[in-house]
């Protein structure tokens, strides 16, 4: 393979890893919005929201660590997806439990 071919292939792999990072970031934004909506509606208590936001911060740290080398590899993407799936389940569970915030 020529030097140009290697450069194009390397760029494609890097862009692919970066694209996945963008998808991960977009999902984080949606999860933050779900938490905010839960607080606004009273479905989440202050402590529940604090716990969920901490979980989102941890995912953000892991995303930044995965991107430290310039791209997200398949194993890192799998791990981040698992973390986001768990966070999504946690958001749902806390929004639909019996506890509600006092909104007065």
C-alpha atoms as a PDB file:
ATOM      1  CA  UNK A   1       0.000   0.000   0.000  1.00  0.00           C
ATOM      2  CA  UNK A   2       1.274   3.466  -0.838  1.00  0.00           C
ATOM      3  CA  UNK A   3       1.939   6.171   1.728  1.00  0.00           C
ATOM      4  CA  UNK A   4      -1.135   8.022   0.475  1.00  0.00           C
ATOM      5  CA  UNK A   5      -3.277   4.898   0.883  1.00  0.00           C
ATOM      6  CA  UNK A   6      -2.035   4.400   4.434  1.00  0.00           C
ATOM      7  CA  UNK A   7      -2.724   8.054   5.236  1.00  0.00           C
ATOM      8  CA  UNK A   8      -6.271   7.832   3.849  1.00  0.00           C
ATOM      9  CA  UNK A   9      -6.947   4.608   5.757  1.00  0.00           C
ATOM     10  CA  UNK A  10      -5.572   6.095   8.979  1.00  0.00           C
ATOM     11  CA  UNK A  11      -7.691   9.221   8.549  1.00  0.00           C
ATOM     12  CA  UNK A  12     -10.804   7.110   7.947  1.00  0.00           C
ATOM     13  CA  UNK A  13     -10.205   5.096  11.113  1.00  0.00           C
ATOM     14  CA  UNK A  14      -9.579   8.281  13.133  1.00  0.00           C
ATOM     15  CA  UNK A  15     -12.745   9.929  11.796  1.00  0.00           C
ATOM     16  CA  UNK A  16     -14.749   6.805  12.568  1.00  0.00           C
ATOM     17  CA  UNK A  17     -13.561   6.849  16.196  1.00  0.00           C
ATOM     18  CA  UNK A  18     -14.255  10.555  16.441  1.00  0.00           C
ATOM     19  CA  UNK A  19     -17.738  10.092  14.949  1.00  0.00           C
ATOM     20  CA  UNK A  20     -18.547   7.552  17.637  1.00  0.00           C
ATOM     21  CA  UNK A  21     -17.401  10.058  20.249  1.00  0.00           C
ATOM     22  CA  UNK A  22     -19.896  12.528  18.795  1.00  0.00           C
ATOM     23  CA  UNK A  23     -22.704   9.979  19.061  1.00  0.00           C
ATOM     24  CA  UNK A  24     -21.724   9.310  22.664  1.00  0.00           C
ATOM     25  CA  UNK A  25     -21.706  13.034  23.399  1.00  0.00           C
ATOM     26  CA  UNK A  26     -25.124  13.497  21.774  1.00  0.00           C
ATOM     27  CA  UNK A  27     -26.590  10.727  23.905  1.00  0.00           C
ATOM     28  CA  UNK A  28     -25.121  12.386  27.002  1.00  0.00           C
ATOM     29  CA  UNK A  29     -26.904  15.607  26.080  1.00  0.00           C
ATOM     30  CA  UNK A  30     -30.192  13.716  25.754  1.00  0.00           C
ATOM     31  CA  UNK A  31     -29.707  12.027  29.106  1.00  0.00           C
ATOM     32  CA  UNK A  32     -28.953  15.394  30.751  1.00  0.00           C
ATOM     33  CA  UNK A  33     -32.199  16.699  29.241  1.00  0.00           C
ATOM     34  CA  UNK A  34     -34.118  13.730  30.655  1.00  0.00           C
ATOM     35  CA  UNK A  35     -32.695  14.442  34.103  1.00  0.00           C
ATOM     36  CA  UNK A  36     -33.574  18.131  33.803  1.00  0.00           C
ATOM     37  CA  UNK A  37     -37.121  17.261  32.722  1.00  0.00           C
ATOM     38  CA  UNK A  38     -37.448  14.925  35.722  1.00  0.00           C
ATOM     39  CA  UNK A  39     -36.380  17.692  38.083  1.00  0.00           C
ATOM     40  CA  UNK A  40     -38.744  20.195  36.458  1.00  0.00           C
ATOM     41  CA  UNK A  41     -41.715  17.817  36.657  1.00  0.00           C
ATOM     42  CA  UNK A  42     -40.960  16.759  40.216  1.00  0.00           C
ATOM     43  CA  UNK A  43     -40.407  13.128  39.194  1.00  0.00           C
ATOM     44  CA  UNK A  44     -36.825  13.328  40.500  1.00  0.00           C
ATOM     45  CA  UNK A  45     -35.853  14.489  43.952  1.00  0.00           C
ATOM     46  CA  UNK A  46     -32.818  16.691  44.446  1.00  0.00           C
ATOM     47  CA  UNK A  47     -30.751  13.749  45.704  1.00  0.00           C
ATOM     48  CA  UNK A  48     -31.838  11.508  42.829  1.00  0.00           C
ATOM     49  CA  UNK A  49     -30.869  14.184  40.316  1.00  0.00           C
ATOM     50  CA  UNK A  50     -27.528  14.672  42.076  1.00  0.00           C
ATOM     51  CA  UNK A  51     -26.825  10.930  41.818  1.00  0.00           C
ATOM     52  CA  UNK A  52     -27.756  10.821  38.130  1.00  0.00           C
ATOM     53  CA  UNK A  53     -25.663  13.888  37.317  1.00  0.00           C
ATOM     54  CA  UNK A  54     -22.685  12.272  39.038  1.00  0.00           C
ATOM     55  CA  UNK A  55     -23.175   9.207  36.873  1.00  0.00           C
ATOM     56  CA  UNK A  56     -23.216  11.448  33.775  1.00  0.00           C
ATOM     57  CA  UNK A  57     -19.999  13.174  34.894  1.00  0.00           C
ATOM     58  CA  UNK A  58     -18.303   9.773  35.270  1.00  0.00           C
ATOM     59  CA  UNK A  59     -19.353   8.807  31.747  1.00  0.00           C
ATOM     60  CA  UNK A  60     -18.011  12.141  30.490  1.00  0.00           C
ATOM     61  CA  UNK A  61     -14.659  11.474  32.179  1.00  0.00           C
ATOM     62  CA  UNK A  62     -14.523   8.020  30.611  1.00  0.00           C
ATOM     63  CA  UNK A  63     -15.366   9.502  27.195  1.00  0.00           C
ATOM     64  CA  UNK A  64     -12.564  12.063  27.506  1.00  0.00           C
ATOM     65  CA  UNK A  65     -10.132   9.327  28.582  1.00  0.00           C
ATOM     66  CA  UNK A  66     -11.152   7.210  25.584  1.00  0.00           C
ATOM     67  CA  UNK A  67     -10.563  10.192  23.286  1.00  0.00           C
ATOM     68  CA  UNK A  68      -7.149  10.968  24.785  1.00  0.00           C
ATOM     69  CA  UNK A  69      -5.426   9.148  21.911  1.00  0.00           C
ATOM     70  CA  UNK A  70      -7.597  10.863  19.300  1.00  0.00           C
ATOM     71  CA  UNK A  71     -10.294   8.244  18.745  1.00  0.00           C
ATOM     72  CA  UNK A  72     -12.581   5.786  20.485  1.00  0.00           C
ATOM     73  CA  UNK A  73     -11.705   2.164  19.754  1.00  0.00           C
ATOM     74  CA  UNK A  74     -14.380  -0.580  19.621  1.00  0.00           C
ATOM     75  CA  UNK A  75     -13.721  -1.802  23.181  1.00  0.00           C
ATOM     76  CA  UNK A  76     -13.960   1.746  24.557  1.00  0.00           C
ATOM     77  CA  UNK A  77     -17.141   2.359  22.564  1.00  0.00           C
ATOM     78  CA  UNK A  78     -18.667  -0.856  23.934  1.00  0.00           C
ATOM     79  CA  UNK A  79     -17.787   0.160  27.503  1.00  0.00           C
ATOM     80  CA  UNK A  80     -19.204   3.666  27.074  1.00  0.00           C
ATOM     81  CA  UNK A  81     -22.381   2.271  25.517  1.00  0.00           C
ATOM     82  CA  UNK A  82     -22.819  -0.099  28.466  1.00  0.00           C
ATOM     83  CA  UNK A  83     -22.336   2.800  30.889  1.00  0.00           C
ATOM     84  CA  UNK A  84     -24.870   4.902  28.992  1.00  0.00           C
ATOM     85  CA  UNK A  85     -27.366   2.033  28.886  1.00  0.00           C
ATOM     86  CA  UNK A  86     -27.075   1.621  32.651  1.00  0.00           C
ATOM     87  CA  UNK A  87     -27.442   5.376  33.166  1.00  0.00           C
ATOM     88  CA  UNK A  88     -30.558   5.357  30.992  1.00  0.00           C
ATOM     89  CA  UNK A  89     -32.068   2.553  33.073  1.00  0.00           C
ATOM     90  CA  UNK A  90     -31.176   4.468  36.244  1.00  0.00           C
ATOM     91  CA  UNK A  91     -32.854   7.627  34.949  1.00  0.00           C
ATOM     92  CA  UNK A  92     -35.987   5.695  34.063  1.00  0.00           C
ATOM     93  CA  UNK A  93     -36.050   3.849  37.376  1.00  0.00           C
ATOM     94  CA  UNK A  94     -35.653   6.963  39.506  1.00  0.00           C
ATOM     95  CA  UNK A  95     -38.156   8.969  37.460  1.00  0.00           C
ATOM     96  CA  UNK A  96     -40.751   6.232  37.873  1.00  0.00           C
ATOM     97  CA  UNK A  97     -40.311   5.339  41.532  1.00  0.00           C
ATOM     98  CA  UNK A  98     -42.688   6.431  44.259  1.00  0.00           C
ATOM     99  CA  UNK A  99     -40.576   9.369  45.437  1.00  0.00           C
ATOM    100  CA  UNK A 100     -41.394  12.824  44.141  1.00  0.00           C
ATOM    101  CA  UNK A 101     -39.949  16.228  44.808  1.00  0.00           C
ATOM    102  CA  UNK A 102     -42.049  18.768  46.688  1.00  0.00           C
ATOM    103  CA  UNK A 103     -42.763  21.456  44.119  1.00  0.00           C
ATOM    104  CA  UNK A 104     -44.455  24.365  45.828  1.00  0.00           C
END
